[in-house]
């Protein structure tokens, strides 16, 4: 599954900027990658990992602003269409799962 975190955080005061930057750094430390400004995504192994990560994100949300967490299955993610400028990018592949014996 994929998690997408979208946020709009205020950055008018020094305290708000610090909180917004702290939240961005938290997401990066948790294995998210920046897709666009204020849009971060991460692959999770299953629903349990998604739920655990949602709880962690919820605890890290700054006191002001809005944060949305979306989840997509691997099949839904594979249908994503991306453009860089006007050039259509090749479809993304899901990460390979490791099998341990």
Protein backbone atom coordinates (compact mmCIF):
# COMPACT_ATOMS: atom_id res chain seq x y z
CA UNK A 1 0.00 0.00 0.00
CA UNK A 2 1.00 3.60 -0.49
CA UNK A 3 0.50 6.48 1.93
CA UNK A 4 0.31 10.02 0.66
CA UNK A 5 0.50 12.88 3.17
CA UNK A 6 -0.74 16.26 1.92
CA UNK A 7 -0.47 19.29 4.15
CA UNK A 8 -1.01 23.02 4.25
CA UNK A 9 0.77 24.45 7.26
CA UNK A 10 1.02 28.13 8.17
CA UNK A 11 4.49 29.68 7.93
CA UNK A 12 3.83 33.31 8.82
CA UNK A 13 5.68 33.37 12.13
CA UNK A 14 9.06 31.95 13.07
CA UNK A 15 7.35 29.42 15.38
CA UNK A 16 5.04 28.25 12.57
CA UNK A 17 7.96 27.90 10.12
CA UNK A 18 9.86 25.84 12.68
CA UNK A 19 6.85 23.57 13.23
CA UNK A 20 6.30 23.11 9.47
CA UNK A 21 9.98 22.31 8.86
CA UNK A 22 9.95 19.93 11.81
CA UNK A 23 6.97 18.10 10.33
CA UNK A 24 8.70 17.82 6.93
CA UNK A 25 11.83 16.44 8.59
CA UNK A 26 9.71 13.98 10.58
CA UNK A 27 8.19 12.65 7.35
CA UNK A 28 11.62 12.26 5.75
CA UNK A 29 12.93 10.47 8.85
CA UNK A 30 9.97 8.07 8.64
CA UNK A 31 10.90 7.06 5.08
CA UNK A 32 8.60 9.37 3.12
CA UNK A 33 9.86 10.99 -0.05
CA UNK A 34 8.80 14.37 -1.35
CA UNK A 35 6.62 14.07 -4.43
CA UNK A 36 5.79 17.80 -4.59
CA UNK A 37 5.90 20.65 -2.11
CA UNK A 38 3.66 19.63 0.79
CA UNK A 39 3.03 16.19 -0.75
CA UNK A 40 5.00 13.25 0.62
CA UNK A 41 4.59 9.55 -0.08
CA UNK A 42 5.77 6.25 1.33
CA UNK A 43 5.29 2.57 0.52
CA UNK A 44 4.00 0.38 3.35
CA UNK A 45 3.97 -3.41 3.49
CA UNK A 46 0.37 -3.78 4.65
CA UNK A 47 -2.63 -2.27 6.37
CA UNK A 48 -1.15 -2.75 9.86
CA UNK A 49 1.94 -0.77 8.93
CA UNK A 50 -0.26 1.95 7.40
CA UNK A 51 -2.32 2.23 10.59
CA UNK A 52 0.83 2.42 12.74
CA UNK A 53 2.28 5.11 10.49
CA UNK A 54 -0.98 7.11 10.56
CA UNK A 55 -0.80 7.12 14.37
CA UNK A 56 2.82 8.38 14.24
CA UNK A 57 1.94 11.08 11.70
CA UNK A 58 -1.05 12.14 13.83
CA UNK A 59 1.20 12.64 16.84
CA UNK A 60 3.65 14.74 14.80
CA UNK A 61 1.06 17.08 13.22
CA UNK A 62 1.67 20.71 14.23
CA UNK A 63 -1.06 22.43 16.29
CA UNK A 64 -2.19 24.57 13.33
CA UNK A 65 -2.73 23.81 9.65
CA UNK A 66 -4.31 20.91 7.80
CA UNK A 67 -2.91 17.45 7.10
CA UNK A 68 -4.59 14.76 4.98
CA UNK A 69 -3.44 11.15 4.69
CA UNK A 70 -4.51 9.16 1.65
CA UNK A 71 -3.91 5.47 1.08
CA UNK A 72 -3.71 3.68 -2.25
CA UNK A 73 -3.34 0.02 -3.06
CA UNK A 74 -0.41 -1.01 -5.23
CA UNK A 75 -2.78 -1.51 -8.18
CA UNK A 76 -4.22 2.00 -7.77
CA UNK A 77 -0.71 3.47 -7.52
CA UNK A 78 0.37 1.76 -10.74
CA UNK A 79 -2.32 3.67 -12.65
CA UNK A 80 -0.85 7.04 -11.63
CA UNK A 81 -0.09 9.28 -14.61
CA UNK A 82 2.76 11.76 -14.14
CA UNK A 83 3.91 14.65 -16.31
CA UNK A 84 7.19 16.54 -16.09
CA UNK A 85 6.40 19.73 -17.92
CA UNK A 86 4.45 18.44 -20.89
CA UNK A 87 6.40 15.19 -21.13
CA UNK A 88 4.53 12.17 -19.85
CA UNK A 89 6.67 10.08 -17.53
CA UNK A 90 6.76 6.28 -17.66
CA UNK A 91 4.45 4.48 -15.26
CA UNK A 92 5.91 3.88 -11.83
CA UNK A 93 6.55 0.38 -10.60
CA UNK A 94 5.87 -0.80 -7.09
CA UNK A 95 8.93 -1.72 -5.02
CA UNK A 96 9.84 -5.39 -5.00
CA UNK A 97 8.84 -7.28 -1.88
CA UNK A 98 11.58 -9.26 -0.15
CA UNK A 99 10.86 -12.87 0.66
CA UNK A 100 12.53 -14.29 3.75
CA UNK A 101 12.75 -18.02 4.33
